[in-house]
C-alpha atoms as a PDB file:
ATOM      1  CA  UNK A   1       0.000   0.000   0.000  1.00  0.00           C
ATOM      2  CA  UNK A   2       1.346   3.429  -0.940  1.00  0.00           C
ATOM      3  CA  UNK A   3       1.624   6.120   1.695  1.00  0.00           C
ATOM      4  CA  UNK A   4      -0.399   9.285   1.165  1.00  0.00           C
ATOM      5  CA  UNK A   5       1.345  12.646   1.249  1.00  0.00           C
ATOM      6  CA  UNK A   6      -0.475  15.963   1.308  1.00  0.00           C
ATOM      7  CA  UNK A   7       1.276  18.963  -0.251  1.00  0.00           C
ATOM      8  CA  UNK A   8      -0.182  22.342   0.645  1.00  0.00           C
ATOM      9  CA  UNK A   9       0.577  24.990  -1.976  1.00  0.00           C
ATOM     10  CA  UNK A  10       0.671  24.615  -5.736  1.00  0.00           C
ATOM     11  CA  UNK A  11       3.486  27.033  -6.516  1.00  0.00           C
ATOM     12  CA  UNK A  12       6.778  25.910  -8.075  1.00  0.00           C
ATOM     13  CA  UNK A  13       8.039  24.334  -4.834  1.00  0.00           C
ATOM     14  CA  UNK A  14       4.814  22.422  -4.241  1.00  0.00           C
ATOM     15  CA  UNK A  15       4.723  21.214  -7.843  1.00  0.00           C
ATOM     16  CA  UNK A  16       8.342  20.059  -7.736  1.00  0.00           C
ATOM     17  CA  UNK A  17       7.848  18.311  -4.384  1.00  0.00           C
ATOM     18  CA  UNK A  18       4.725  16.595  -5.728  1.00  0.00           C
ATOM     19  CA  UNK A  19       6.545  15.352  -8.821  1.00  0.00           C
ATOM     20  CA  UNK A  20       9.539  14.060  -6.853  1.00  0.00           C
ATOM     21  CA  UNK A  21       7.423  12.300  -4.228  1.00  0.00           C
ATOM     22  CA  UNK A  22       5.210  10.725  -6.869  1.00  0.00           C
ATOM     23  CA  UNK A  23       8.324   9.346  -8.611  1.00  0.00           C
ATOM     24  CA  UNK A  24       9.350   7.863  -5.275  1.00  0.00           C
ATOM     25  CA  UNK A  25       6.073   5.926  -5.200  1.00  0.00           C
ATOM     26  CA  UNK A  26       3.957   8.029  -2.877  1.00  0.00           C
ATOM     27  CA  UNK A  27       0.292   8.823  -3.470  1.00  0.00           C
ATOM     28  CA  UNK A  28       0.439  12.637  -3.630  1.00  0.00           C
ATOM     29  CA  UNK A  29      -2.468  14.999  -3.025  1.00  0.00           C
ATOM     30  CA  UNK A  30      -1.819  18.672  -3.844  1.00  0.00           C
ATOM     31  CA  UNK A  31      -4.038  21.419  -2.411  1.00  0.00           C
ATOM     32  CA  UNK A  32      -3.970  25.006  -3.770  1.00  0.00           C
ATOM     33  CA  UNK A  33      -6.148  27.852  -2.502  1.00  0.00           C
ATOM     34  CA  UNK A  34      -6.041  29.786  -5.800  1.00  0.00           C
ATOM     35  CA  UNK A  35      -8.047  28.787  -8.866  1.00  0.00           C
ATOM     36  CA  UNK A  36      -4.863  27.815 -10.742  1.00  0.00           C
ATOM     37  CA  UNK A  37      -1.541  26.146 -10.037  1.00  0.00           C
ATOM     38  CA  UNK A  38       1.788  27.902 -10.426  1.00  0.00           C
ATOM     39  CA  UNK A  39       1.791  30.606  -7.772  1.00  0.00           C
ATOM     40  CA  UNK A  40       3.688  33.740  -8.789  1.00  0.00           C
ATOM     41  CA  UNK A  41       5.346  31.851 -11.634  1.00  0.00           C
ATOM     42  CA  UNK A  42       1.978  31.757 -13.442  1.00  0.00           C
ATOM     43  CA  UNK A  43       1.977  35.585 -13.491  1.00  0.00           C
ATOM     44  CA  UNK A  44       5.541  36.177 -14.642  1.00  0.00           C
ATOM     45  CA  UNK A  45       6.740  36.637 -18.208  1.00  0.00           C
ATOM     46  CA  UNK A  46      10.385  35.572 -18.025  1.00  0.00           C
ATOM     47  CA  UNK A  47      12.858  34.307 -15.442  1.00  0.00           C
ATOM     48  CA  UNK A  48      16.068  36.034 -14.452  1.00  0.00           C
ATOM     49  CA  UNK A  49      18.910  35.873 -15.470  1.00  0.00           C
ATOM     50  CA  UNK A  50      18.520  33.853 -18.689  1.00  0.00           C
ATOM     51  CA  UNK A  51      15.156  35.182 -19.830  1.00  0.00           C
ATOM     52  CA  UNK A  52      13.570  31.728 -19.979  1.00  0.00           C
ATOM     53  CA  UNK A  53       9.806  32.078 -20.517  1.00  0.00           C
ATOM     54  CA  UNK A  54       8.076  31.436 -17.193  1.00  0.00           C
ATOM     55  CA  UNK A  55       5.247  29.698 -19.036  1.00  0.00           C
ATOM     56  CA  UNK A  56       7.692  27.079 -20.368  1.00  0.00           C
ATOM     57  CA  UNK A  57       8.935  26.319 -16.859  1.00  0.00           C
ATOM     58  CA  UNK A  58       5.379  26.094 -15.511  1.00  0.00           C
ATOM     59  CA  UNK A  59       4.278  23.777 -18.314  1.00  0.00           C
ATOM     60  CA  UNK A  60       7.244  21.514 -17.547  1.00  0.00           C
ATOM     61  CA  UNK A  61       6.343  21.397 -13.855  1.00  0.00           C
ATOM     62  CA  UNK A  62       2.710  20.620 -14.671  1.00  0.00           C
ATOM     63  CA  UNK A  63       3.780  17.816 -17.036  1.00  0.00           C
ATOM     64  CA  UNK A  64       5.873  16.300 -14.269  1.00  0.00           C
ATOM     65  CA  UNK A  65       2.881  16.270 -11.898  1.00  0.00           C
ATOM     66  CA  UNK A  66       0.558  14.302 -14.178  1.00  0.00           C
ATOM     67  CA  UNK A  67      -1.098  11.690 -12.003  1.00  0.00           C
ATOM     68  CA  UNK A  68      -0.997  13.833  -8.866  1.00  0.00           C
ATOM     69  CA  UNK A  69      -4.448  14.504  -7.425  1.00  0.00           C
ATOM     70  CA  UNK A  70      -4.727  18.315  -7.527  1.00  0.00           C
ATOM     71  CA  UNK A  71      -7.427  20.357  -5.869  1.00  0.00           C
ATOM     72  CA  UNK A  72      -7.486  24.063  -6.731  1.00  0.00           C
ATOM     73  CA  UNK A  73      -9.667  26.822  -5.297  1.00  0.00           C
ATOM     74  CA  UNK A  74      -9.647  24.845  -2.039  1.00  0.00           C
ATOM     75  CA  UNK A  75      -9.420  26.044   1.551  1.00  0.00           C
ATOM     76  CA  UNK A  76      -8.136  23.709   4.250  1.00  0.00           C
ATOM     77  CA  UNK A  77     -10.185  23.829   7.431  1.00  0.00           C
ATOM     78  CA  UNK A  78      -8.654  20.913   9.292  1.00  0.00           C
ATOM     79  CA  UNK A  79      -6.263  18.024   8.785  1.00  0.00           C
ATOM     80  CA  UNK A  80      -6.910  14.719  10.510  1.00  0.00           C
ATOM     81  CA  UNK A  81      -4.327  12.003  10.429  1.00  0.00           C
ATOM     82  CA  UNK A  82      -5.970   8.597  10.107  1.00  0.00           C
END
């Protein structure tokens, strides 16, 4: 049986953590309070210092998290460990 891991926050760090943990065999659940994933990265045009399009980086992160259960526009009221 796979262990469940809850990631709170769907910005770049949360997306990367979700992808890595999923590759390690965990069942990952990602919760984001905003309507979309990506955090500030979703609002940026390019990344410093190389000028890489932020959208390209975000798309790569989202590709890596395929299979992760993502819940957007979600508020957490309580967490119970079963």
